[in-house]
N, C-alpha and C. Protein backbone atom coordinates (compact mmCIF):
# COMPACT_ATOMS: atom_id res chain seq x y z
N UNK A 1 11.21 -4.01 -4.30
CA UNK A 1 11.27 -5.45 -5.01
C UNK A 1 10.97 -5.64 -6.14
N UNK A 2 11.59 -6.50 -6.97
CA UNK A 2 11.48 -6.70 -8.10
C UNK A 2 12.06 -8.05 -8.99
N UNK A 3 11.42 -8.77 -9.82
CA UNK A 3 11.80 -9.98 -9.91
C UNK A 3 12.94 -10.08 -10.72
N UNK A 4 14.30 -10.86 -10.69
CA UNK A 4 15.27 -10.78 -10.99
C UNK A 4 15.23 -10.81 -12.64
N UNK A 5 15.98 -10.47 -13.26
CA UNK A 5 16.01 -10.27 -14.84
C UNK A 5 16.32 -12.07 -15.39
N UNK A 6 17.03 -12.77 -14.33
CA UNK A 6 17.39 -14.11 -14.59
C UNK A 6 15.99 -15.03 -14.57
N UNK A 7 14.90 -14.48 -14.62
CA UNK A 7 13.76 -15.36 -14.38
C UNK A 7 12.79 -14.91 -15.59
N UNK A 8 12.41 -15.96 -16.06
CA UNK A 8 11.48 -15.53 -17.14
C UNK A 8 10.25 -15.98 -17.26
N UNK A 9 8.91 -15.22 -17.29
CA UNK A 9 7.63 -15.72 -16.83
C UNK A 9 6.92 -15.70 -18.44
N UNK A 10 6.23 -16.92 -18.16
CA UNK A 10 5.57 -17.49 -19.75
C UNK A 10 3.72 -17.47 -19.09
N UNK A 11 3.03 -17.00 -19.93
CA UNK A 11 1.91 -17.62 -19.75
C UNK A 11 1.08 -18.07 -20.46
N UNK A 12 0.22 -19.28 -20.05
CA UNK A 12 0.05 -20.19 -21.13
C UNK A 12 -1.57 -20.42 -20.96
N UNK A 13 -2.59 -19.88 -21.34
CA UNK A 13 -4.02 -19.65 -21.21
C UNK A 13 -4.35 -19.15 -19.55
N UNK A 14 -4.82 -20.17 -18.78
CA UNK A 14 -4.85 -19.93 -17.30
C UNK A 14 -2.98 -20.02 -16.38
N UNK A 15 -2.65 -20.68 -17.29
CA UNK A 15 -1.33 -21.09 -15.88
C UNK A 15 -0.25 -20.18 -16.63
N UNK A 16 0.62 -20.07 -15.51
CA UNK A 16 1.67 -19.16 -15.38
C UNK A 16 3.19 -20.22 -15.12
N UNK A 17 4.18 -19.86 -15.66
CA UNK A 17 5.27 -20.54 -15.56
C UNK A 17 6.49 -19.74 -15.34
N UNK A 18 7.10 -20.03 -14.13
CA UNK A 18 8.42 -18.71 -13.99
C UNK A 18 9.69 -20.14 -14.31
N UNK A 19 10.59 -19.65 -15.14
CA UNK A 19 12.07 -20.41 -15.69
C UNK A 19 12.59 -19.55 -15.32
N UNK A 20 13.79 -20.13 -14.65
CA UNK A 20 15.30 -19.44 -14.33
C UNK A 20 16.27 -19.52 -15.80
N UNK A 21 16.57 -18.85 -16.24
CA UNK A 21 17.64 -18.49 -16.95
C UNK A 21 18.90 -18.84 -16.55
N UNK A 22 20.09 -18.65 -17.27
CA UNK A 22 21.15 -19.26 -16.79
C UNK A 22 22.13 -18.21 -15.72
N UNK A 23 22.66 -18.66 -14.92
CA UNK A 23 22.84 -17.77 -13.93
C UNK A 23 21.84 -17.81 -12.45
N UNK A 24 20.89 -18.45 -12.84
CA UNK A 24 19.56 -17.81 -11.68
C UNK A 24 19.83 -18.31 -10.48
N UNK A 25 20.85 -19.65 -10.24
CA UNK A 25 21.12 -20.34 -9.07
C UNK A 25 19.56 -21.03 -8.61
N UNK A 26 18.93 -21.36 -9.72
CA UNK A 26 17.64 -22.28 -9.25
C UNK A 26 17.31 -22.93 -10.29
N UNK A 27 16.95 -24.54 -10.09
CA UNK A 27 17.01 -25.11 -11.38
C UNK A 27 15.74 -25.87 -11.00
N UNK A 28 14.70 -25.51 -12.03
CA UNK A 28 13.26 -25.82 -11.59
C UNK A 28 12.29 -25.10 -12.41
N UNK A 29 11.15 -25.19 -12.02
CA UNK A 29 9.85 -24.45 -12.80
C UNK A 29 8.85 -24.61 -11.76
N UNK A 30 8.46 -23.17 -11.75
CA UNK A 30 7.27 -22.71 -10.73
C UNK A 30 6.23 -22.54 -11.64
N UNK A 31 5.10 -23.27 -11.13
CA UNK A 31 4.09 -23.26 -12.30
C UNK A 31 3.09 -22.58 -11.35
N UNK A 32 1.69 -22.02 -11.52
CA UNK A 32 0.83 -21.51 -11.14
C UNK A 32 -0.22 -20.64 -12.00
N UNK A 33 -1.38 -20.38 -11.45
CA UNK A 33 -2.30 -19.53 -11.75
C UNK A 33 -2.14 -18.33 -11.96
N UNK A 34 -3.60 -17.76 -12.56
CA UNK A 34 -3.69 -16.56 -13.16
C UNK A 34 -3.04 -15.37 -11.73
N UNK A 35 -3.45 -15.15 -10.82
CA UNK A 35 -2.92 -14.83 -9.62
C UNK A 35 -1.17 -14.77 -9.22
N UNK A 36 -0.82 -15.94 -9.56
CA UNK A 36 0.76 -15.96 -10.03
C UNK A 36 0.98 -14.87 -10.81
N UNK A 37 0.32 -15.23 -12.06
CA UNK A 37 0.75 -14.49 -13.34
C UNK A 37 0.54 -12.90 -12.91
N UNK A 38 -0.19 -12.54 -12.59
CA UNK A 38 -0.50 -11.33 -12.32
C UNK A 38 0.58 -10.37 -11.25
N UNK A 39 0.87 -11.52 -10.11
CA UNK A 39 1.62 -10.93 -9.42
C UNK A 39 3.17 -11.03 -9.65
N UNK A 40 3.63 -12.19 -10.84
CA UNK A 40 4.91 -11.78 -11.33
C UNK A 40 5.04 -10.71 -12.46
N UNK A 41 3.91 -10.31 -13.26
CA UNK A 41 3.93 -9.34 -14.27
C UNK A 41 3.96 -7.83 -13.55
N UNK A 42 3.29 -7.73 -11.85
CA UNK A 42 3.50 -6.69 -11.36
C UNK A 42 4.66 -6.57 -10.93
N UNK A 43 6.02 -7.40 -10.53
CA UNK A 43 7.18 -7.74 -10.37
C UNK A 43 7.92 -7.22 -11.32
N UNK A 44 7.65 -7.33 -12.25
CA UNK A 44 8.72 -7.08 -13.58
C UNK A 44 8.95 -5.52 -13.38
N UNK A 45 8.42 -4.78 -12.40
CA UNK A 45 8.79 -3.16 -12.15
C UNK A 45 9.05 -3.33 -10.73
N UNK A 46 9.66 -2.07 -9.83
CA UNK A 46 10.05 -2.25 -8.44
C UNK A 46 8.73 -1.89 -7.91
N UNK A 47 8.52 -2.90 -6.99
CA UNK A 47 6.92 -2.38 -6.29
C UNK A 47 7.21 -3.05 -4.93
N UNK A 48 6.10 -2.46 -4.09
CA UNK A 48 5.90 -3.18 -2.61
C UNK A 48 4.84 -3.90 -2.62
N UNK A 49 4.97 -4.78 -1.30
CA UNK A 49 3.84 -5.42 -1.07
C UNK A 49 2.21 -4.84 -0.98
N UNK A 50 2.28 -3.78 -0.58
CA UNK A 50 1.08 -3.21 -0.42
C UNK A 50 0.75 -2.64 -1.82
N UNK A 51 1.28 -2.51 -2.89
CA UNK A 51 1.34 -1.99 -4.08
C UNK A 51 0.68 -3.06 -4.42
N UNK A 52 1.30 -3.97 -4.51
CA UNK A 52 0.40 -5.58 -5.34
C UNK A 52 -0.60 -5.67 -4.59
N UNK A 53 -0.93 -5.90 -3.48
CA UNK A 53 -2.42 -6.05 -2.81
C UNK A 53 -3.33 -5.09 -3.07
N UNK A 54 -2.86 -3.75 -3.12
CA UNK A 54 -3.91 -2.69 -3.89
C UNK A 54 -4.16 -3.17 -5.38
N UNK A 55 -3.19 -3.45 -6.62
CA UNK A 55 -3.29 -3.57 -7.65
C UNK A 55 -4.04 -4.95 -8.02
N UNK A 56 -3.82 -5.90 -7.05
CA UNK A 56 -4.68 -7.03 -7.39
C UNK A 56 -6.03 -7.21 -6.55
N UNK A 57 -6.17 -6.00 -5.58
CA UNK A 57 -7.61 -6.22 -5.19
C UNK A 57 -8.65 -5.40 -6.11
N UNK A 58 -7.80 -4.33 -6.96
CA UNK A 58 -8.64 -3.67 -8.12
C UNK A 58 -8.99 -4.87 -8.96
N UNK A 59 -8.38 -5.95 -9.39
CA UNK A 59 -7.94 -6.84 -10.63
C UNK A 59 -9.19 -7.76 -9.85
N UNK A 60 -9.06 -8.59 -8.87
CA UNK A 60 -9.83 -9.51 -9.03
C UNK A 60 -11.13 -9.59 -7.75
N UNK A 61 -11.84 -10.00 -7.96
CA UNK A 61 -13.08 -9.93 -6.85
C UNK A 61 -12.72 -10.92 -5.76
N UNK A 62 -12.08 -10.61 -4.53
CA UNK A 62 -11.92 -11.54 -3.43
C UNK A 62 -11.49 -10.44 -2.42
N UNK A 63 -11.91 -10.90 -1.29
CA UNK A 63 -11.72 -10.24 0.27
C UNK A 63 -9.79 -9.58 0.22
N UNK A 64 -9.85 -8.45 0.71
CA UNK A 64 -8.44 -8.02 0.72
C UNK A 64 -7.61 -8.96 0.96
N UNK A 65 -7.92 -9.42 2.23
CA UNK A 65 -7.17 -10.04 3.33
C UNK A 65 -6.53 -11.38 2.78
N UNK A 66 -7.91 -12.14 1.64
CA UNK A 66 -7.19 -13.01 1.01
C UNK A 66 -6.20 -12.81 -0.17
N UNK A 67 -6.40 -11.69 -0.55
CA UNK A 67 -5.33 -11.43 -1.57
C UNK A 67 -3.98 -11.10 -0.75
N UNK A 68 -4.06 -10.61 0.41
CA UNK A 68 -2.74 -10.33 0.97
C UNK A 68 -2.33 -11.56 1.39
N UNK A 69 -2.84 -12.62 1.80
CA UNK A 69 -2.45 -13.94 2.54
C UNK A 69 -1.68 -14.63 0.96
N UNK A 70 -2.12 -14.48 -0.28
CA UNK A 70 -1.90 -15.00 -1.51
C UNK A 70 -0.42 -14.13 -1.89
N UNK A 71 -0.59 -12.95 -1.83
CA UNK A 71 0.89 -12.29 -2.12
C UNK A 71 2.10 -12.24 -1.20
N UNK A 72 1.53 -12.70 0.00
CA UNK A 72 2.75 -13.01 1.12
C UNK A 72 3.31 -14.48 0.51
N UNK A 73 2.13 -15.30 0.52
CA UNK A 73 3.07 -16.80 -0.04
C UNK A 73 3.65 -16.62 -1.15
N UNK A 74 3.36 -15.84 -2.09
CA UNK A 74 3.88 -16.07 -3.39
C UNK A 74 5.30 -15.33 -3.11
N UNK A 75 5.20 -14.14 -2.40
CA UNK A 75 6.62 -13.46 -1.88
C UNK A 75 7.58 -14.37 -1.36
N UNK A 76 6.89 -15.06 -0.39
CA UNK A 76 8.08 -16.35 0.35
C UNK A 76 8.26 -17.25 -0.72
N UNK A 77 7.85 -17.80 -1.46
CA UNK A 77 8.34 -18.84 -2.18
C UNK A 77 9.12 -18.02 -3.15
N UNK A 78 9.05 -16.96 -3.69
CA UNK A 78 10.17 -16.09 -4.53
C UNK A 78 11.59 -15.96 -4.00
N UNK A 79 11.59 -15.16 -2.68
CA UNK A 79 12.28 -15.40 -1.80
C UNK A 79 13.24 -16.64 -1.66
N UNK A 80 12.70 -17.76 -1.25
CA UNK A 80 13.25 -19.11 -0.92
C UNK A 80 14.22 -19.33 -2.47
N UNK A 81 13.44 -19.22 -3.30
CA UNK A 81 14.18 -19.61 -4.55
C UNK A 81 15.37 -18.61 -5.17
N UNK A 82 15.17 -17.17 -4.63
CA UNK A 82 16.05 -16.23 -5.02
C UNK A 82 15.88 -15.48 -6.12
N UNK A 83 14.67 -15.34 -6.69
CA UNK A 83 13.81 -14.74 -7.46
C UNK A 83 13.36 -13.16 -7.62
N UNK A 84 13.97 -12.78 -6.37
CA UNK A 84 13.42 -11.53 -5.86
C UNK A 84 14.93 -10.34 -5.40
N UNK A 85 14.62 -9.52 -6.05
CA UNK A 85 15.92 -8.05 -5.86
C UNK A 85 15.42 -7.35 -4.61
N UNK A 86 15.60 -7.08 -3.42
CA UNK A 86 15.13 -6.11 -2.41
C UNK A 86 14.32 -7.18 -1.72
C-alpha cells in the first residue's frame, strides 16, 4: 500500500497535516501528531502494515502492540478517505 499522490503531507513542529490536492475525492484536512507524520512519511513508498509496525518500533519507545493498534487505526482512517493505493 502507498499514499496516493493526490495527498500532500505537511509537518509543522510536532503536528502533521494531510491535505488533499485536486481530484483526491476528499475535502478536508487530517491533523495528527508525530506518529501520524511518521506513518505518512513511510507511506510515500510502497509498504506493508508489518513493515510500518517494525519501522515505528525502532523509532518510538512504545510497546509493539500499542504501535500496531495506532498503525491499524491510521490505515483504517486513510482507507475511509480514499488516501491509500492498495
